[in-house]
């Protein structure tokens, strides 16, 4: 399970956006944990925090600097504390790592040896510094884009309040990794700062810091930082609360207050934004509006995206978001439907998991029975390879979302054929080209696509959604 899924699972199970800083701060340790052996006292206090909060938080965040300040015993304490955190709760190591030369070895140590789930990084050495952390597909990074330190304003607000440096950091870092790989760390008591960052990065997880100043207003912070679904914002448990003997009761009370606001917030936010065209181009592509909508809602992104293989692509496509936007999803189904109406088949099949919602929608529209091949066959029950009712000899049209190498969709088609069904046509939404349809043909399948990646890029460049540099990067890839 990757960090994003692990975090969301805990948010759902514990109904909490709260995280706890597991910091051995000797200045804040309660009196009853103080002893002649400082390390033992700090360990007992940290273990108490974990025991009191494990059922009410979504993550833990140890700050590496506190442990380093204690020398070798401090690092040994960190290892113990990391091992004490329940395995299902994600750990975000607050390292603010910024050394380019040690990025690769540091990433390996924390992700593979210490087994933390995410880390905070400084942005100022650029993507070269972040890339070694992004090659771990199950992990994540949080980029520090803003702090609450008053003296930092001279840098963070440069050159002016209309275009401050911290917003440039947000804009640039979005090109370094996907929303599942890269979040933002924001330290501020100013809700307007958080609001401006959220508007630039609606799809990113924001880890808030330093929000508990006396003049801060929790509801304003939540309203500014929550996304349209009432989440996407991680809230720190106040430090002074961690010294309380009744920590469990206090954190439950805070959680309830936050969740009450979330409920009101979600109720007030429109469940589906309506997109209206803002461009006029002669001889436009028949799917121009759909392409632009996919770009505007973050399904198509341009930048430098590090893949699990270590390779860097100039774009990233994530079609999973369309199911949360009925306006776009409806148009996507219509585009598939145009192709499928010209084909001959008895049933439609979706390839798990990405295209299952699409196949379901098409089944309802076309009044055609649906089946799907299991991604994995269970060792119990019926052990069926194909779910749904069918008769050997029937023809199945296979639906998938993106055609990259063709491997996964052909594996699915072969499973379908293994039970006596026939597969002639494979229909996808986006074809990455590179001769994939020819490979399908060599294996006995006819490939169809709503769009090609070239059509998408050319259209976005023509309407001004991507610039010449982004267009050139795609052509050279």
Protein backbone atom coordinates (compact mmCIF):
# COMPACT_ATOMS: atom_id res chain seq x y z
CA UNK A 1 0.00 0.00 0.00
CA UNK A 2 1.44 3.38 -0.97
CA UNK A 3 1.57 6.41 1.30
CA UNK A 4 -1.46 8.09 -0.25
CA UNK A 5 -3.69 5.03 0.24
CA UNK A 6 -2.31 4.36 3.70
CA UNK A 7 -3.00 7.93 4.77
CA UNK A 8 -6.52 8.01 3.33
CA UNK A 9 -7.33 4.67 4.95
CA UNK A 10 -6.38 6.07 8.35
CA UNK A 11 -8.24 9.31 7.76
CA UNK A 12 -11.33 7.24 7.01
CA UNK A 13 -10.94 4.67 9.79
CA UNK A 14 -10.03 7.14 12.54
CA UNK A 15 -12.18 9.93 11.10
CA UNK A 16 -9.28 12.29 11.68
CA UNK A 17 -7.08 14.81 9.85
CA UNK A 18 -4.85 15.17 12.93
CA UNK A 19 -1.19 14.20 13.08
CA UNK A 20 1.11 14.09 16.10
CA UNK A 21 4.68 15.35 16.22
CA UNK A 22 6.73 12.67 18.00
CA UNK A 23 9.50 14.99 19.11
CA UNK A 24 11.82 14.34 22.10
CA UNK A 25 11.78 18.00 23.10
CA UNK A 26 13.42 18.17 26.53
CA UNK A 27 11.97 21.66 27.08
CA UNK A 28 8.40 20.36 26.92
CA UNK A 29 8.63 16.99 28.65
CA UNK A 30 6.07 16.73 31.51
CA UNK A 31 7.54 16.75 35.02
CA UNK A 32 6.46 13.18 35.79
CA UNK A 33 8.52 11.87 32.87
CA UNK A 34 11.70 13.71 33.85
CA UNK A 35 14.44 11.56 35.34
CA UNK A 36 18.20 11.30 35.71
CA UNK A 37 18.19 9.26 32.50
CA UNK A 38 16.84 11.82 30.02
CA UNK A 39 16.61 9.37 27.11
CA UNK A 40 14.47 6.95 29.12
CA UNK A 41 12.17 9.76 30.24
CA UNK A 42 11.74 11.02 26.68
CA UNK A 43 11.07 7.51 25.41
CA UNK A 44 8.38 6.91 28.03
CA UNK A 45 6.72 10.19 27.10
CA UNK A 46 6.77 9.42 23.37
CA UNK A 47 5.39 5.93 23.96
CA UNK A 48 2.60 7.51 26.02
CA UNK A 49 1.75 9.82 23.08
CA UNK A 50 1.48 6.88 20.71
CA UNK A 51 -0.67 4.83 23.06
CA UNK A 52 -3.02 7.74 23.73
CA UNK A 53 -3.45 8.88 20.13
CA UNK A 54 -3.18 5.84 17.83
CA UNK A 55 -6.96 5.54 17.44
CA UNK A 56 -7.54 9.24 16.80
CA UNK A 57 -4.87 10.42 14.32
CA UNK A 58 -4.07 9.83 10.67
CA UNK A 59 -0.25 10.09 10.87
CA UNK A 60 2.81 10.65 13.05
CA UNK A 61 5.60 13.12 12.32
CA UNK A 62 8.93 12.72 14.16
CA UNK A 63 11.34 15.62 13.63
CA UNK A 64 14.79 14.28 12.80
CA UNK A 65 16.59 17.32 14.25
CA UNK A 66 15.37 16.66 17.81
CA UNK A 67 16.79 13.14 17.70
CA UNK A 68 20.05 14.22 16.07
CA UNK A 69 20.54 16.81 18.83
CA UNK A 70 20.69 13.94 21.35
CA UNK A 71 23.57 12.28 19.52
CA UNK A 72 23.83 8.53 19.00
CA UNK A 73 21.37 7.78 21.86
CA UNK A 74 18.89 10.06 20.11
CA UNK A 75 19.12 8.19 16.81
CA UNK A 76 18.75 4.90 18.68
CA UNK A 77 15.66 6.37 20.33
CA UNK A 78 14.28 7.32 16.89
CA UNK A 79 14.59 3.72 15.68
CA UNK A 80 12.69 2.51 18.76
CA UNK A 81 9.93 5.07 18.29
CA UNK A 82 9.55 4.27 14.59
CA UNK A 83 9.15 0.60 15.50
CA UNK A 84 6.53 1.47 18.12
CA UNK A 85 4.17 3.19 15.70
CA UNK A 86 1.40 0.78 14.59
CA UNK A 87 2.23 -0.48 11.10
CA UNK A 88 -1.01 0.81 9.56
CA UNK A 89 -0.36 4.44 10.55
CA UNK A 90 1.89 6.39 8.14
CA UNK A 91 5.04 8.11 9.39
CA UNK A 92 6.19 11.42 7.92
CA UNK A 93 9.82 12.09 8.80
CA UNK A 94 10.30 15.84 9.25
CA UNK A 95 13.83 16.12 7.91
CA UNK A 96 13.80 19.26 5.72
CA UNK A 97 16.56 17.46 3.87
CA UNK A 98 18.34 19.79 1.45
CA UNK A 99 21.68 18.21 0.52
CA UNK A 100 21.81 17.15 -3.13
CA UNK A 101 24.91 15.01 -2.66
CA UNK A 102 23.32 12.75 -0.05
CA UNK A 103 19.80 12.53 -1.48
CA UNK A 104 20.04 9.01 -2.88
CA UNK A 105 21.61 7.39 0.18
CA UNK A 106 19.37 9.30 2.56
CA UNK A 107 16.26 8.25 0.62
CA UNK A 108 17.36 4.62 0.74
CA UNK A 109 18.05 4.78 4.48
CA UNK A 110 14.77 6.33 5.54
CA UNK A 111 12.51 4.47 3.10
CA UNK A 112 14.08 1.03 3.06
CA UNK A 113 15.90 0.74 6.41
CA UNK A 114 13.84 2.99 8.68
CA UNK A 115 10.64 2.24 6.70
CA UNK A 116 9.12 5.71 7.05
CA UNK A 117 6.37 6.53 4.57
CA UNK A 118 7.10 10.15 3.65
CA UNK A 119 9.68 12.86 4.22
CA UNK A 120 9.82 16.67 4.19
CA UNK A 121 12.29 18.27 1.79
CA UNK A 122 13.59 21.74 1.06
CA UNK A 123 12.86 22.88 -2.51
CA UNK A 124 15.83 25.13 -3.16
CA UNK A 125 18.08 22.61 -4.91
CA UNK A 126 15.29 21.81 -7.33
CA UNK A 127 13.96 18.61 -8.82
CA UNK A 128 17.41 16.99 -8.94
CA UNK A 129 17.27 16.88 -5.16
CA UNK A 130 13.70 15.53 -5.01
CA UNK A 131 13.97 12.90 -7.77
CA UNK A 132 15.87 10.25 -5.72
CA UNK A 133 12.99 10.21 -3.24
CA UNK A 134 10.33 9.87 -5.95
CA UNK A 135 11.71 6.62 -7.39
CA UNK A 136 10.15 4.82 -4.40
CA UNK A 137 6.59 4.40 -5.75
CA UNK A 138 5.05 3.56 -2.38
CA UNK A 139 6.52 6.62 -0.63
CA UNK A 140 5.90 10.38 -0.75
CA UNK A 141 7.56 13.74 -0.15
CA UNK A 142 6.29 17.02 1.29
CA UNK A 143 7.92 20.14 -0.14
CA UNK A 144 8.38 23.02 2.30
CA UNK A 145 6.90 26.03 0.53
CA UNK A 146 6.14 28.41 3.38
CA UNK A 147 7.07 28.92 7.03
CA UNK A 148 5.60 31.11 9.76
CA UNK A 149 8.93 32.59 10.84
CA UNK A 150 8.53 36.40 10.71
CA UNK A 151 12.07 36.97 9.47
CA UNK A 152 11.47 34.60 6.54
CA UNK A 153 8.96 37.01 5.03
CA UNK A 154 11.68 39.01 3.30
CA UNK A 155 12.48 35.89 1.25
CA UNK A 156 9.07 34.26 1.01
CA UNK A 157 7.29 37.44 -0.13
CA UNK A 158 9.97 38.33 -2.70
CA UNK A 159 9.62 40.07 -5.10
CA UNK A 160 6.14 41.28 -4.10
CA UNK A 161 2.89 40.22 -2.49
CA UNK A 162 1.23 39.59 -5.83
CA UNK A 163 3.78 37.03 -6.95
CA UNK A 164 5.60 35.82 -3.81
CA UNK A 165 8.36 33.25 -3.94
CA UNK A 166 6.42 30.69 -1.87
CA UNK A 167 3.75 30.53 -4.57
CA UNK A 168 6.44 30.05 -7.19
CA UNK A 169 7.67 27.09 -5.13
CA UNK A 170 4.16 25.63 -5.16
CA UNK A 171 3.78 26.12 -8.91
CA UNK A 172 7.17 24.59 -9.73
CA UNK A 173 7.02 21.67 -7.31
CA UNK A 174 3.73 20.50 -8.84
CA UNK A 175 5.80 19.56 -11.90
CA UNK A 176 8.09 17.29 -9.89
CA UNK A 177 5.67 14.58 -8.85
CA UNK A 178 2.08 13.42 -8.99
CA UNK A 179 -0.46 14.27 -6.26
CA UNK A 180 0.08 10.76 -4.88
CA UNK A 181 3.84 11.36 -4.65
CA UNK A 182 4.21 14.97 -3.61
CA UNK A 183 2.44 17.13 -1.04
CA UNK A 184 3.14 20.57 0.41
CA UNK A 185 4.23 21.69 3.87
CA UNK A 186 2.83 25.06 4.91
CA UNK A 187 3.64 26.82 8.15
CA UNK A 188 1.38 29.80 8.69
CA UNK A 189 -1.17 31.41 10.97
CA UNK A 190 -2.55 33.40 8.04
CA UNK A 191 -5.57 31.76 6.41
CA UNK A 192 -5.10 33.88 3.28
CA UNK A 193 -1.68 32.33 2.69
CA UNK A 194 -3.18 28.87 2.96
CA UNK A 195 -6.06 29.85 0.69
CA UNK A 196 -3.72 31.08 -2.03
CA UNK A 197 -1.73 27.84 -1.91
CA UNK A 198 -4.88 25.71 -2.01
CA UNK A 199 -6.17 27.61 -5.05
CA UNK A 200 -2.90 26.89 -6.89
CA UNK A 201 -2.78 23.24 -5.81
CA UNK A 202 -6.35 21.97 -5.33
CA UNK A 203 -5.25 18.36 -5.80
CA UNK A 204 -2.34 18.31 -3.31
CA UNK A 205 -2.18 17.18 0.30
CA UNK A 206 -1.16 20.10 2.49
CA UNK A 207 0.51 19.45 5.83
CA UNK A 208 -0.20 22.53 7.95
CA UNK A 209 2.25 23.74 10.57
CA UNK A 210 2.39 26.49 13.20
CA UNK A 211 -1.34 27.17 13.07
CA UNK A 212 -1.90 27.34 16.83
CA UNK A 213 -0.79 30.91 17.56
CA UNK A 214 -3.08 32.79 19.95
CA UNK A 215 -4.56 34.92 17.20
CA UNK A 216 -5.20 32.01 14.80
CA UNK A 217 -8.72 30.94 13.95
CA UNK A 218 -9.09 27.19 13.35
CA UNK A 219 -12.25 27.53 11.27
CA UNK A 220 -10.61 30.06 8.94
CA UNK A 221 -7.59 27.77 8.56
CA UNK A 222 -9.82 24.80 7.75
CA UNK A 223 -11.95 26.76 5.29
CA UNK A 224 -8.81 27.93 3.50
CA UNK A 225 -6.96 24.61 3.44
CA UNK A 226 -9.56 21.89 2.94
CA UNK A 227 -10.19 20.71 -0.60
CA UNK A 228 -13.68 20.44 -2.11
CA UNK A 229 -14.14 16.99 -0.54
CA UNK A 230 -13.45 18.25 2.98
CA UNK A 231 -10.00 16.68 3.30
CA UNK A 232 -6.52 17.11 1.78
CA UNK A 233 -5.34 19.03 4.85
CA UNK A 234 -3.33 17.53 7.72
CA UNK A 235 -3.68 19.35 11.04
CA UNK A 236 -1.03 19.19 13.80
CA UNK A 237 -2.04 18.38 17.36
CA UNK A 238 -1.04 21.44 19.48
CA UNK A 239 2.30 20.91 21.23
CA UNK A 240 1.01 21.97 24.64
CA UNK A 241 -1.71 19.31 24.39
CA UNK A 242 0.97 16.61 24.14
CA UNK A 243 2.07 17.38 27.70
CA UNK A 244 -1.41 16.77 29.08
CA UNK A 245 -2.15 13.75 31.27
CA UNK A 246 -5.59 13.40 29.62
CA UNK A 247 -4.23 13.61 26.06
CA UNK A 248 -6.70 11.04 24.72
CA UNK A 249 -9.76 13.05 25.80
CA UNK A 250 -8.38 16.34 24.52
CA UNK A 251 -7.46 14.97 21.10
CA UNK A 252 -10.91 13.39 20.72
CA UNK A 253 -12.50 16.73 21.51
CA UNK A 254 -10.33 18.49 18.92
CA UNK A 255 -11.10 15.81 16.36
CA UNK A 256 -14.83 16.25 16.95
CA UNK A 257 -14.55 20.02 16.48
CA UNK A 258 -12.70 19.61 13.20
CA UNK A 259 -15.10 16.96 11.89
CA UNK A 260 -18.11 19.10 12.73
CA UNK A 261 -16.66 21.90 10.63
CA UNK A 262 -15.80 19.46 7.82
CA UNK A 263 -19.41 18.28 7.70
CA UNK A 264 -20.67 21.86 7.42
CA UNK A 265 -17.99 22.70 4.87
CA UNK A 266 -18.81 19.76 2.59
CA UNK A 267 -22.50 20.61 2.76
CA UNK A 268 -21.79 24.16 1.63
CA UNK A 269 -19.47 23.25 -1.25
CA UNK A 270 -20.98 22.38 -4.62
CA UNK A 271 -20.69 18.69 -5.33
CA UNK A 272 -19.78 19.22 -8.95
CA UNK A 273 -18.32 22.32 -10.59
CA UNK A 274 -19.67 23.16 -14.02
CA UNK A 275 -16.98 23.79 -16.63
CA UNK A 276 -17.64 26.34 -19.35
CA UNK A 277 -15.44 26.82 -22.45
CA UNK A 278 -13.27 29.94 -22.47
CA UNK A 279 -11.56 29.48 -25.85
CA UNK A 280 -12.46 29.88 -29.49
CA UNK A 281 -10.29 28.18 -32.11
CA UNK A 282 -11.03 27.73 -35.80
CA UNK A 283 -11.04 24.14 -37.11
CA UNK A 284 -10.96 22.86 -33.56
CA UNK A 285 -10.48 19.20 -32.67
CA UNK A 286 -13.87 17.45 -32.23
CA UNK A 287 -12.95 16.64 -28.63
CA UNK A 288 -11.27 19.99 -27.91
CA UNK A 289 -13.53 20.95 -25.00
CA UNK A 290 -13.10 17.52 -23.40
CA UNK A 291 -9.30 17.70 -23.74
CA UNK A 292 -9.22 21.14 -22.14
CA UNK A 293 -11.53 20.03 -19.31
CA UNK A 294 -9.30 17.05 -18.55
CA UNK A 295 -6.35 19.44 -18.35
CA UNK A 296 -8.22 21.95 -16.19
CA UNK A 297 -9.29 19.36 -13.59
CA UNK A 298 -5.79 17.91 -13.32
CA UNK A 299 -6.19 14.66 -15.28
CA UNK A 300 -3.45 15.79 -17.67
CA UNK A 301 -0.36 17.50 -16.27
CA UNK A 302 2.86 18.73 -17.83
CA UNK A 303 6.24 19.07 -16.17
CA UNK A 304 8.94 16.54 -15.33
CA UNK A 305 7.40 13.49 -13.70
CA UNK A 306 9.68 10.81 -12.29
CA UNK A 307 8.46 7.28 -12.91
CA UNK A 308 9.12 4.21 -10.75
CA UNK A 309 11.76 3.14 -13.26
CA UNK A 310 13.67 6.38 -12.64
CA UNK A 311 12.83 7.73 -16.11
CA UNK A 312 11.41 11.25 -16.41
CA UNK A 313 8.35 11.94 -18.59
CA UNK A 314 7.25 15.45 -19.66
CA UNK A 315 3.60 14.68 -18.86
CA UNK A 316 1.43 12.65 -16.51
CA UNK A 317 -2.09 11.35 -17.07
CA UNK A 318 -4.46 10.33 -14.27
CA UNK A 319 -7.97 9.49 -15.47
CA UNK A 320 -9.19 8.25 -12.07
CA UNK A 321 -10.42 11.76 -11.27
CA UNK A 322 -13.10 11.74 -13.96
CA UNK A 323 -15.48 9.61 -11.87
CA UNK A 324 -15.72 12.52 -9.39
CA UNK A 325 -16.76 14.95 -12.11
CA UNK A 326 -20.06 13.85 -13.70
CA UNK A 327 -19.88 16.50 -16.42
CA UNK A 328 -16.56 15.18 -17.72
CA UNK A 329 -17.36 11.51 -17.07
CA UNK A 330 -20.50 11.80 -19.16
CA UNK A 331 -18.52 13.18 -22.11
CA UNK A 332 -15.89 10.45 -21.76
CA UNK A 333 -18.60 7.78 -21.88
CA UNK A 334 -20.12 9.42 -24.96
CA UNK A 335 -16.75 9.35 -26.71
CA UNK A 336 -16.31 5.64 -25.99
CA UNK A 337 -19.90 5.02 -27.09
CA UNK A 338 -19.26 6.56 -30.53
CA UNK A 339 -16.60 3.92 -31.19
CA UNK A 340 -18.40 0.95 -29.65
CA UNK A 341 -21.60 1.55 -31.66
CA UNK A 342 -19.64 0.65 -34.80
CA UNK A 343 -18.38 -2.67 -33.42
CA UNK A 344 -19.94 -6.10 -33.05
CA UNK A 345 -19.98 -7.71 -29.61
CA UNK A 346 -22.22 -9.44 -27.08
CA UNK A 347 -20.70 -8.18 -23.84
CA UNK A 348 -18.38 -5.40 -22.66
CA UNK A 349 -15.46 -5.98 -20.27
CA UNK A 350 -13.46 -3.51 -18.19
CA UNK A 351 -9.84 -4.08 -17.14
CA UNK A 352 -9.38 -3.72 -13.35
CA UNK A 353 -9.26 -1.37 -11.76
CA UNK A 354 -9.10 1.89 -13.66
CA UNK A 355 -11.64 1.13 -16.40
CA UNK A 356 -14.28 -0.64 -14.30
CA UNK A 357 -16.36 2.55 -13.71
CA UNK A 358 -16.17 3.30 -17.44
CA UNK A 359 -17.23 -0.22 -18.43
CA UNK A 360 -20.12 -0.05 -15.95
CA UNK A 361 -21.33 3.24 -17.41
CA UNK A 362 -21.07 1.89 -20.96
CA UNK A 363 -22.94 -1.27 -20.01
CA UNK A 364 -25.85 0.85 -18.77
CA UNK A 365 -25.80 3.14 -21.81
CA UNK A 366 -25.56 0.37 -24.40
CA UNK A 367 -27.89 -2.00 -22.54
CA UNK A 368 -25.11 -4.56 -22.86
CA UNK A 369 -24.10 -7.12 -20.19
CA UNK A 370 -20.77 -6.48 -18.50
CA UNK A 371 -18.06 -8.85 -17.27
CA UNK A 372 -14.51 -8.31 -16.07
CA UNK A 373 -11.35 -10.41 -15.62
CA UNK A 374 -10.09 -10.58 -12.06
CA UNK A 375 -6.77 -8.89 -11.44
CA UNK A 376 -5.95 -11.73 -9.07
CA UNK A 377 -7.74 -15.03 -8.59
CA UNK A 378 -8.83 -15.74 -5.01
CA UNK A 379 -7.69 -18.96 -3.34
CA UNK A 380 -11.17 -19.48 -1.90
CA UNK A 381 -14.77 -19.42 -3.07
CA UNK A 382 -15.46 -20.09 -6.76
CA UNK A 383 -11.92 -19.05 -7.83
CA UNK A 384 -13.39 -17.52 -10.95
CA UNK A 385 -11.10 -15.86 -13.48
CA UNK A 386 -13.99 -13.87 -14.99
CA UNK A 387 -16.72 -12.19 -12.94
CA UNK A 388 -20.23 -11.96 -14.37
CA UNK A 389 -22.46 -14.24 -16.44
CA UNK A 390 -21.51 -15.28 -19.98
CA UNK A 391 -21.73 -18.09 -22.52
CA UNK A 392 -18.70 -19.59 -24.31
CA UNK A 393 -18.43 -18.38 -27.88
CA UNK A 394 -19.74 -14.87 -27.17
CA UNK A 395 -17.80 -11.87 -28.45
CA UNK A 396 -16.46 -9.40 -25.87
CA UNK A 397 -15.37 -5.79 -26.47
CA UNK A 398 -12.62 -4.90 -24.00
CA UNK A 399 -12.50 -1.38 -22.56
CA UNK A 400 -9.44 0.17 -20.90
CA UNK A 401 -8.36 3.71 -20.02
CA UNK A 402 -4.81 4.22 -21.32
CA UNK A 403 -2.81 2.21 -23.83
CA UNK A 404 0.90 2.47 -22.99
CA UNK A 405 2.62 -0.85 -23.73
CA UNK A 406 -0.51 -2.92 -24.25
CA UNK A 407 0.69 -5.56 -21.81
CA UNK A 408 -2.01 -5.26 -19.15
CA UNK A 409 -4.95 -5.04 -21.55
CA UNK A 410 -3.72 -8.04 -23.54
CA UNK A 411 -3.27 -10.03 -20.34
CA UNK A 412 -6.88 -9.22 -19.48
CA UNK A 413 -8.03 -10.21 -22.96
CA UNK A 414 -6.20 -13.52 -22.70
CA UNK A 415 -7.99 -14.28 -19.42
CA UNK A 416 -11.30 -13.59 -21.13
CA UNK A 417 -10.38 -15.89 -24.02
CA UNK A 418 -9.29 -18.62 -21.60
CA UNK A 419 -12.94 -19.29 -20.65
CA UNK A 420 -14.11 -19.72 -24.24
CA UNK A 421 -15.00 -16.12 -25.08
CA UNK A 422 -13.79 -14.21 -28.14
CA UNK A 423 -12.07 -10.81 -28.14
CA UNK A 424 -11.69 -8.89 -31.39
CA UNK A 425 -11.64 -5.23 -30.31
CA UNK A 426 -9.90 -3.27 -27.57
CA UNK A 427 -11.15 0.30 -27.02
CA UNK A 428 -9.16 2.79 -24.93
CA UNK A 429 -9.54 6.46 -24.15
CA UNK A 430 -5.92 7.54 -24.71
CA UNK A 431 -3.30 5.91 -26.92
CA UNK A 432 0.29 6.79 -26.02
CA UNK A 433 1.21 5.74 -29.56
CA UNK A 434 4.75 4.38 -30.00
CA UNK A 435 3.36 1.58 -32.18
CA UNK A 436 1.20 -0.03 -29.47
CA UNK A 437 -1.78 -0.58 -31.78
CA UNK A 438 0.51 -2.47 -34.14
CA UNK A 439 1.50 -4.76 -31.26
CA UNK A 440 -2.18 -5.36 -30.55
CA UNK A 441 -2.74 -6.23 -34.20
CA UNK A 442 0.18 -8.68 -34.15
CA UNK A 443 -1.56 -10.45 -31.28
CA UNK A 444 -4.90 -10.65 -33.04
CA UNK A 445 -6.66 -7.57 -31.65
CA UNK A 446 -7.94 -4.41 -33.31
CA UNK A 447 -7.14 -1.33 -31.22
CA UNK A 448 -9.36 1.78 -31.10
CA UNK A 449 -8.79 5.02 -29.18
CA UNK A 450 -10.78 8.15 -28.52
CA UNK A 451 -7.62 10.27 -28.41
CA UNK A 452 -3.90 9.98 -28.97
CA UNK A 453 -1.34 11.70 -26.78
CA UNK A 454 -0.24 13.76 -29.80
CA UNK A 455 -3.78 15.04 -30.35
CA UNK A 456 -3.98 16.03 -26.69
CA UNK A 457 -0.66 17.88 -26.67
CA UNK A 458 -1.26 19.64 -30.00
CA UNK A 459 -4.72 20.80 -28.87
CA UNK A 460 -3.52 22.07 -25.50
CA UNK A 461 -0.70 23.96 -27.17
CA UNK A 462 -3.02 25.46 -29.79
CA UNK A 463 -5.46 26.77 -27.17
CA UNK A 464 -2.67 28.13 -24.96
CA UNK A 465 -3.00 25.74 -22.02
CA UNK A 466 0.64 24.67 -22.37
CA UNK A 467 3.54 26.85 -23.48
CA UNK A 468 6.13 26.38 -26.22
CA UNK A 469 8.66 24.91 -23.78
CA UNK A 470 6.24 22.21 -22.60
CA UNK A 471 5.23 21.47 -26.18
CA UNK A 472 8.87 21.13 -27.26
CA UNK A 473 9.66 18.86 -24.28
CA UNK A 474 6.93 16.47 -25.44
CA UNK A 475 8.18 16.45 -29.03
CA UNK A 476 11.70 15.65 -27.87
CA UNK A 477 10.60 12.85 -25.53
